[in-house]
Amino acid sequence: MKLIHDPLHGGIELDDFAVRLIDTPEFQRLRRITQLGLAYLAYPSARHTRFEHSLGTFHLAKRVRTYNPEIEEGALYAALLHDLGHYPLSHTLEALYPRHEENTRWVIKHGEIGDVIRERYSLKEFFKSLKHPLVSGDIDADRMDYLVRDAYYTGVAFGLVDMDRLIRNLRWDGERLVVSEKGVIAAQNLLLARSMMYPTVYQHHTSKIASAMLVKAVELEGISYEEIRTMDEIDLVSRLRGSEKPEVRGLMEAIDDRKLYKRVVYTNEDPGEEVVRELKKELEEEFGHLAIVDYPPKPKFEEKNAFVEVGGELKRLSEVSPLVRALVELKDTHWRWGVYAREEVREMVEVFLKKLF
């Protein structure tokens, strides 16, 4: 048994099997994968990593299981390893490569950590545990940790969730985690925190612009999926800084020096994927890597679908909470897509766009 000290949860107890999983090279790599990618350019203290988030998720999963001992133990270790496949800078590079969940399964299959897992579980059984509602549900240990942790490390005031009350009022019914009536307000606050964090942190324009520049650098460098899936951030940054392509080195130097591209378009008016695809093609032909189109997916806010038990009936959280319904309607107003350009060509890009539209 080991005890890890965490600024959010206090002492995190690790059993011997968890320690063996953590001591593998694949898990240790998470120390070098930042949780919020390039958000530190807007929030300097946002340097926390997937490593401590994974420990926190494991800790919260264990706390939920304390009140629901019928949840299988494998779900706890799945909570610990759920982010094993994240690429450098976390979600940033999912614009180019398959989602990290697919890479998590590959890492387990091909890494030393898979040998440890096989001592207790079949991989088929363990992969099923990665989809357990405790790990990947509407309200799960992953969300509970990252919302509070991200708020803590960015210093924003939106991570105030009554975690104790929420956890005490989560009930496992054999298929899903259900929030009891006494936990509805705490569950509602979790969604409120997510709704506030989205525009303030997760979609901060500085982070979005820097991320778009980094994605363009990786795209120009031509890093294969086989290479990126095992890289950490030291590997990636070193590769891009030392690239043989001057445009890649230029993009990395601009990110390093925080001389970021400027916003030419930044709006929540959605022109549609086809229009954006054509716009991207036209800009690339005219300006190359000096102008970038950023068209992110819209937020889903799965927490609204969480089941709550009210008056002996199972209902969706959005059915019983007017606040949650309002937040769901509000979510698309926070979404933005943009066109970013290097300072010296910004005016030319503006003129070019006016000709197109």
Protein backbone atom coordinates (compact mmCIF):
# COMPACT_ATOMS: atom_id res chain seq x y z
CA MET A 1 0.00 0.00 0.00
CA LYS A 2 1.23 3.48 -0.90
CA LEU A 3 -0.10 6.92 0.00
CA ILE A 4 0.10 9.75 -2.55
CA HIS A 5 -0.57 13.33 -1.42
CA ASP A 6 -2.88 15.27 -3.73
CA PRO A 7 -3.82 18.98 -3.38
CA LEU A 8 -7.50 18.23 -4.11
CA HIS A 9 -8.23 14.90 -2.49
CA GLY A 10 -5.62 14.74 0.27
CA GLY A 11 -4.26 11.24 0.65
CA ILE A 12 -4.79 8.85 -2.26
CA GLU A 13 -4.28 5.24 -1.22
CA LEU A 14 -2.86 2.87 -3.82
CA ASP A 15 -3.02 -0.89 -3.39
CA ASP A 16 -0.16 -3.08 -4.60
CA PHE A 17 -1.77 -3.86 -7.96
CA ALA A 18 -2.37 -0.16 -8.66
CA VAL A 19 1.26 0.58 -7.79
CA ARG A 20 2.44 -2.05 -10.26
CA LEU A 21 0.29 -0.50 -13.00
CA ILE A 22 1.57 2.99 -12.19
CA ASP A 23 5.20 1.85 -12.21
CA THR A 24 5.06 0.82 -15.89
CA PRO A 25 6.66 3.03 -18.59
CA GLU A 26 3.26 3.54 -20.25
CA PHE A 27 1.71 5.06 -17.14
CA GLN A 28 4.80 7.09 -16.22
CA ARG A 29 4.60 8.70 -19.68
CA LEU A 30 1.46 10.49 -18.45
CA ARG A 31 3.70 12.66 -16.25
CA ARG A 32 4.78 14.28 -19.52
CA ILE A 33 1.30 14.84 -20.98
CA THR A 34 -0.28 18.10 -19.80
CA GLN A 35 -3.97 17.92 -18.93
CA LEU A 36 -5.01 21.13 -20.69
CA GLY A 37 -2.52 21.24 -23.54
CA LEU A 38 -1.51 24.82 -24.35
CA ALA A 39 -3.94 26.44 -21.89
CA TYR A 40 -0.89 27.46 -19.83
CA LEU A 41 -0.37 30.27 -22.35
CA ALA A 42 -3.54 31.82 -20.89
CA TYR A 43 -3.40 30.31 -17.39
CA PRO A 44 0.28 29.96 -16.40
CA SER A 45 -0.34 27.48 -13.57
CA ALA A 46 -2.27 25.05 -15.79
CA ARG A 47 0.70 22.69 -16.00
CA HIS A 48 -0.95 19.72 -14.32
CA THR A 49 -0.77 16.41 -16.14
CA ARG A 50 -2.77 13.34 -17.05
CA PHE A 51 -0.76 11.48 -14.39
CA GLU A 52 -2.29 13.21 -11.37
CA HIS A 53 -5.72 13.36 -13.02
CA SER A 54 -5.62 9.58 -13.46
CA LEU A 55 -4.75 9.12 -9.78
CA GLY A 56 -7.60 11.45 -8.83
CA THR A 57 -10.06 9.56 -11.02
CA PHE A 58 -9.01 6.28 -9.39
CA HIS A 59 -9.49 7.83 -5.95
CA LEU A 60 -13.00 9.11 -6.72
CA ALA A 61 -13.96 5.79 -8.31
CA LYS A 62 -12.94 4.04 -5.11
CA ARG A 63 -15.03 6.45 -3.05
CA VAL A 64 -18.10 5.76 -5.21
CA ARG A 65 -17.52 2.02 -4.84
CA THR A 66 -17.38 2.40 -1.05
CA TYR A 67 -21.11 3.21 -1.19
CA ASN A 68 -21.73 0.69 -4.00
CA PRO A 69 -19.59 -2.41 -3.24
CA GLU A 70 -21.37 -4.40 -5.96
CA ILE A 71 -19.45 -2.44 -8.62
CA GLU A 72 -16.75 -4.77 -9.94
CA GLU A 73 -13.20 -4.02 -8.83
CA GLY A 74 -11.93 -3.94 -12.42
CA ALA A 75 -13.75 -0.64 -12.96
CA LEU A 76 -11.39 0.99 -10.44
CA TYR A 77 -8.29 0.02 -12.41
CA ALA A 78 -10.02 1.04 -15.62
CA ALA A 79 -10.56 4.47 -14.01
CA LEU A 80 -6.84 4.58 -13.28
CA LEU A 81 -5.87 3.74 -16.88
CA HIS A 82 -8.67 5.47 -18.82
CA ASP A 83 -6.36 8.20 -20.22
CA LEU A 84 -3.38 6.00 -20.99
CA GLY A 85 -3.57 6.66 -24.74
CA HIS A 86 -3.60 10.47 -24.73
CA TYR A 87 -1.33 12.09 -27.29
CA PRO A 88 1.04 14.96 -26.42
CA LEU A 89 -0.98 18.01 -25.30
CA SER A 90 -4.00 15.80 -24.62
CA HIS A 91 -7.03 16.51 -26.83
CA THR A 92 -5.22 19.00 -29.08
CA LEU A 93 -4.02 16.47 -31.65
CA GLU A 94 -7.31 14.57 -31.87
CA ALA A 95 -7.99 16.97 -34.74
CA LEU A 96 -5.48 14.86 -36.73
CA TYR A 97 -5.51 11.40 -35.16
CA PRO A 98 -8.12 8.92 -33.84
CA ARG A 99 -9.55 9.62 -30.40
CA HIS A 100 -7.32 8.72 -27.48
CA GLU A 101 -9.62 5.88 -26.35
CA GLU A 102 -8.57 3.85 -29.38
CA ASN A 103 -4.91 4.46 -28.58
CA THR A 104 -5.47 3.46 -24.94
CA ARG A 105 -6.50 -0.02 -26.09
CA TRP A 106 -3.44 -0.22 -28.38
CA VAL A 107 -1.04 0.82 -25.61
CA ILE A 108 -2.50 -1.82 -23.29
CA LYS A 109 -2.25 -4.51 -25.97
CA HIS A 110 1.35 -3.71 -26.89
CA GLY A 111 2.88 -2.31 -23.72
CA GLU A 112 4.38 -3.66 -20.52
CA ILE A 113 1.25 -2.52 -18.70
CA GLY A 114 -0.77 -5.11 -20.61
CA ASP A 115 1.35 -7.88 -19.08
CA VAL A 116 0.49 -6.61 -15.60
CA ILE A 117 -3.23 -6.42 -16.41
CA ARG A 118 -3.23 -9.98 -17.80
CA GLU A 119 -2.13 -11.30 -14.40
CA ARG A 120 -5.60 -10.47 -13.08
CA TYR A 121 -7.91 -9.84 -16.06
CA SER A 122 -8.29 -10.86 -19.67
CA LEU A 123 -7.84 -7.89 -21.99
CA LYS A 124 -11.35 -8.41 -23.34
CA GLU A 125 -12.70 -8.15 -19.81
CA PHE A 126 -10.58 -5.10 -19.03
CA PHE A 127 -11.55 -3.26 -22.23
CA LYS A 128 -15.17 -3.77 -21.23
CA SER A 129 -14.37 -2.15 -17.87
CA LEU A 130 -13.05 0.95 -19.68
CA LYS A 131 -16.65 1.57 -20.79
CA HIS A 132 -18.11 1.11 -17.32
CA PRO A 133 -20.44 4.01 -16.33
CA LEU A 134 -18.16 4.71 -13.35
CA VAL A 135 -15.36 5.44 -15.85
CA SER A 136 -17.20 6.66 -18.93
CA GLY A 137 -20.75 7.66 -18.09
CA ASP A 138 -22.95 10.72 -17.90
CA ILE A 139 -21.65 11.51 -14.42
CA ASP A 140 -18.44 9.59 -13.78
CA ALA A 141 -15.22 9.72 -11.76
CA ASP A 142 -13.35 11.17 -14.74
CA ARG A 143 -15.59 14.25 -15.01
CA MET A 144 -15.74 14.73 -11.27
CA ASP A 145 -11.96 14.93 -11.06
CA TYR A 146 -11.08 16.95 -14.15
CA LEU A 147 -13.63 19.72 -13.59
CA VAL A 148 -12.45 20.40 -10.05
CA ARG A 149 -8.76 19.86 -10.90
CA ASP A 150 -8.81 22.09 -13.97
CA ALA A 151 -10.53 24.86 -12.01
CA TYR A 152 -7.96 24.55 -9.22
CA TYR A 153 -4.92 24.75 -11.49
CA THR A 154 -6.25 27.55 -13.68
CA GLY A 155 -7.37 29.53 -10.65
CA VAL A 156 -10.92 30.17 -11.92
CA ALA A 157 -13.82 30.12 -9.47
CA PHE A 158 -16.05 27.60 -11.25
CA GLY A 159 -14.98 24.29 -9.69
CA LEU A 160 -17.14 24.49 -6.58
CA VAL A 161 -18.92 21.12 -6.60
CA ASP A 162 -20.18 19.38 -3.46
CA MET A 163 -18.29 16.20 -4.29
CA ASP A 164 -19.02 14.48 -0.97
CA ARG A 165 -22.77 14.95 -1.34
CA LEU A 166 -22.71 13.85 -4.98
CA ILE A 167 -20.71 10.69 -4.26
CA ARG A 168 -22.84 9.72 -1.25
CA ASN A 169 -25.94 9.98 -3.41
CA LEU A 170 -24.79 7.92 -6.41
CA ARG A 171 -26.44 4.51 -6.54
CA TRP A 172 -25.42 1.62 -8.81
CA ASP A 173 -28.52 -0.18 -10.11
CA GLY A 174 -26.63 -2.90 -11.95
CA GLU A 175 -26.52 -1.00 -15.26
CA ARG A 176 -25.88 2.65 -14.46
CA LEU A 177 -25.09 5.15 -11.75
CA VAL A 178 -28.26 6.87 -10.59
CA VAL A 179 -28.34 10.13 -8.65
CA SER A 180 -30.72 10.01 -5.72
CA GLU A 181 -33.05 12.91 -5.02
CA LYS A 182 -30.74 14.36 -2.35
CA GLY A 183 -27.90 14.51 -4.88
CA VAL A 184 -29.75 16.39 -7.64
CA ILE A 185 -28.47 19.82 -6.61
CA ALA A 186 -24.87 18.56 -6.47
CA ALA A 187 -25.25 16.95 -9.91
CA GLN A 188 -26.73 20.18 -11.21
CA ASN A 189 -23.73 22.10 -9.88
CA LEU A 190 -21.39 19.74 -11.70
CA LEU A 191 -23.04 20.67 -14.99
CA LEU A 192 -23.01 24.35 -14.03
CA ALA A 193 -19.25 24.11 -13.40
CA ARG A 194 -18.77 22.44 -16.78
CA SER A 195 -20.87 25.10 -18.49
CA MET A 196 -18.76 27.89 -16.98
CA MET A 197 -15.44 26.16 -17.59
CA TYR A 198 -16.16 25.61 -21.26
CA PRO A 199 -15.96 29.23 -22.51
CA THR A 200 -13.58 30.41 -19.79
CA VAL A 201 -10.93 27.68 -19.93
CA TYR A 202 -11.55 24.91 -22.46
CA GLN A 203 -12.35 27.30 -25.30
CA HIS A 204 -10.17 30.27 -24.31
CA HIS A 205 -9.16 31.99 -27.54
CA THR A 206 -5.44 32.05 -26.69
CA SER A 207 -5.37 28.31 -26.15
CA LYS A 208 -7.46 27.70 -29.29
CA ILE A 209 -5.14 29.77 -31.50
CA ALA A 210 -1.97 28.17 -30.12
CA SER A 211 -3.52 24.71 -30.49
CA ALA A 212 -4.49 25.39 -34.12
CA MET A 213 -0.91 26.49 -34.80
CA LEU A 214 0.50 23.36 -33.21
CA VAL A 215 -1.88 21.11 -35.15
CA LYS A 216 -0.73 22.82 -38.36
CA ALA A 217 2.93 22.28 -37.40
CA VAL A 218 2.35 18.56 -36.76
CA GLU A 219 0.39 18.27 -40.01
CA LEU A 220 3.20 19.94 -41.99
CA GLU A 221 5.82 17.80 -40.28
CA GLY A 222 3.90 14.68 -41.35
CA ILE A 223 4.20 12.75 -38.09
CA SER A 224 2.60 9.35 -38.55
CA TYR A 225 0.03 7.79 -36.25
CA GLU A 226 2.53 5.06 -35.39
CA GLU A 227 4.98 7.70 -34.15
CA ILE A 228 2.60 10.02 -32.29
CA ARG A 229 0.83 7.30 -30.30
CA THR A 230 3.85 6.71 -28.03
CA MET A 231 5.35 10.22 -27.97
CA ASP A 232 5.32 12.48 -24.95
CA GLU A 233 5.50 16.27 -25.08
CA ILE A 234 9.28 16.35 -24.82
CA ASP A 235 9.51 14.11 -27.89
CA LEU A 236 7.03 16.18 -29.89
CA VAL A 237 8.37 19.63 -29.08
CA SER A 238 11.95 18.51 -29.73
CA ARG A 239 10.91 17.04 -33.09
CA LEU A 240 9.08 20.21 -34.18
CA ARG A 241 11.78 22.61 -32.99
CA GLY A 242 14.41 20.64 -34.89
CA SER A 243 12.33 20.12 -38.03
CA GLU A 244 13.97 20.34 -41.44
CA LYS A 245 10.97 22.39 -42.59
CA PRO A 246 11.33 26.13 -41.86
CA GLU A 247 7.58 26.67 -41.66
CA VAL A 248 7.33 24.05 -38.87
CA ARG A 249 10.20 25.63 -36.96
CA GLY A 250 8.58 29.03 -37.44
CA LEU A 251 5.26 27.87 -35.99
CA MET A 252 6.98 26.33 -32.97
CA GLU A 253 9.09 29.42 -32.38
CA ALA A 254 5.95 31.57 -32.46
CA ILE A 255 4.26 29.30 -29.88
CA ASP A 256 7.37 29.24 -27.68
CA ASP A 257 7.63 33.05 -27.76
CA ARG A 258 3.86 33.51 -27.47
CA LYS A 259 3.73 35.45 -30.71
CA LEU A 260 0.47 33.90 -31.74
CA TYR A 261 -1.68 34.34 -34.83
CA LYS A 262 -4.45 36.92 -34.61
CA ARG A 263 -8.19 36.43 -34.95
CA VAL A 264 -9.62 37.41 -38.33
CA VAL A 265 -12.92 35.58 -37.86
CA TYR A 266 -14.23 34.47 -34.46
CA THR A 267 -17.94 33.77 -34.32
CA ASN A 268 -20.64 31.34 -33.20
CA GLU A 269 -22.54 31.69 -36.48
CA ASP A 270 -22.14 28.27 -38.05
CA PRO A 271 -21.78 28.34 -41.87
CA GLY A 272 -21.74 24.53 -42.06
CA GLU A 273 -18.98 22.02 -42.66
CA GLU A 274 -19.03 22.24 -46.46
CA VAL A 275 -18.54 26.01 -46.47
CA VAL A 276 -15.74 25.75 -43.91
CA ARG A 277 -14.05 22.98 -45.89
CA GLU A 278 -14.08 25.12 -49.04
CA LEU A 279 -12.85 28.16 -47.09
CA LYS A 280 -9.96 26.16 -45.68
CA LYS A 281 -8.96 25.01 -49.17
CA GLU A 282 -9.06 28.57 -50.56
CA LEU A 283 -6.99 29.98 -47.68
CA GLU A 284 -4.38 27.24 -47.91
CA GLU A 285 -3.95 27.86 -51.63
CA GLU A 286 -3.55 31.62 -51.08
CA PHE A 287 -1.66 31.85 -47.77
CA GLY A 288 -0.34 28.39 -46.94
CA HIS A 289 0.32 27.92 -43.22
CA LEU A 290 0.05 31.67 -42.52
CA ALA A 291 -3.76 31.45 -42.19
CA ILE A 292 -5.52 28.68 -40.27
CA VAL A 293 -9.16 27.64 -40.04
CA ASP A 294 -10.30 26.31 -36.66
CA TYR A 295 -13.69 24.57 -36.72
CA PRO A 296 -14.09 22.54 -33.49
CA PRO A 297 -16.91 20.10 -32.67
CA LYS A 298 -19.77 21.49 -30.63
CA PRO A 299 -20.04 20.63 -26.91
CA LYS A 300 -22.32 17.77 -25.93
CA PHE A 301 -22.73 18.10 -22.14
CA GLU A 302 -23.55 14.45 -21.56
CA GLU A 303 -24.23 15.14 -17.87
CA LYS A 304 -27.73 16.33 -18.82
CA ASN A 305 -28.59 12.68 -19.62
CA ALA A 306 -27.71 11.42 -16.15
CA PHE A 307 -30.46 9.42 -14.49
CA VAL A 308 -31.90 10.77 -11.24
CA GLU A 309 -34.40 9.11 -8.94
CA VAL A 310 -37.22 11.46 -7.97
CA GLY A 311 -40.33 10.24 -6.18
CA GLY A 312 -39.38 6.65 -6.91
CA GLU A 313 -39.16 7.33 -10.66
CA LEU A 314 -36.08 7.38 -12.90
CA LYS A 315 -35.81 10.59 -14.92
CA ARG A 316 -33.12 12.44 -16.83
CA LEU A 317 -31.41 15.30 -15.01
CA SER A 318 -32.56 17.69 -17.74
CA GLU A 319 -36.18 16.68 -17.04
CA VAL A 320 -36.11 17.61 -13.36
CA SER A 321 -33.83 20.66 -13.45
CA PRO A 322 -34.90 23.87 -15.22
CA LEU A 323 -31.35 25.17 -14.69
CA VAL A 324 -29.86 22.22 -16.57
CA ARG A 325 -32.30 22.73 -19.44
CA ALA A 326 -31.24 26.38 -19.63
CA LEU A 327 -27.55 25.41 -19.62
CA VAL A 328 -28.11 22.93 -22.45
CA GLU A 329 -29.78 25.65 -24.51
CA LEU A 330 -26.90 28.00 -23.68
CA LYS A 331 -24.11 25.62 -24.70
CA ASP A 332 -24.07 26.47 -28.42
CA THR A 333 -23.77 30.19 -27.70
CA HIS A 334 -20.32 29.54 -26.18
CA TRP A 335 -19.11 27.62 -29.24
CA ARG A 336 -16.82 29.53 -31.64
CA TRP A 337 -15.07 28.80 -34.90
CA GLY A 338 -12.35 31.00 -36.27
CA VAL A 339 -9.82 32.01 -38.88
CA TYR A 340 -6.42 32.99 -37.48
CA ALA A 341 -3.56 34.63 -39.37
CA ARG A 342 -0.01 35.76 -38.75
CA GLU A 343 0.13 39.46 -37.90
CA GLU A 344 1.83 40.56 -41.13
CA VAL A 345 -0.83 38.95 -43.34
CA ARG A 346 -3.91 39.57 -41.20
CA GLU A 347 -5.18 42.52 -43.25
CA MET A 348 -4.65 40.62 -46.50
CA VAL A 349 -6.62 37.67 -45.12
CA GLU A 350 -9.44 40.03 -44.11
CA VAL A 351 -9.60 41.45 -47.64
CA PHE A 352 -9.46 37.94 -49.12
CA LEU A 353 -12.37 36.78 -46.96
CA LYS A 354 -14.47 39.76 -47.95
CA LYS A 355 -14.02 38.74 -51.59
CA LEU A 356 -15.16 35.20 -50.80
CA PHE A 357 -18.26 36.22 -48.85
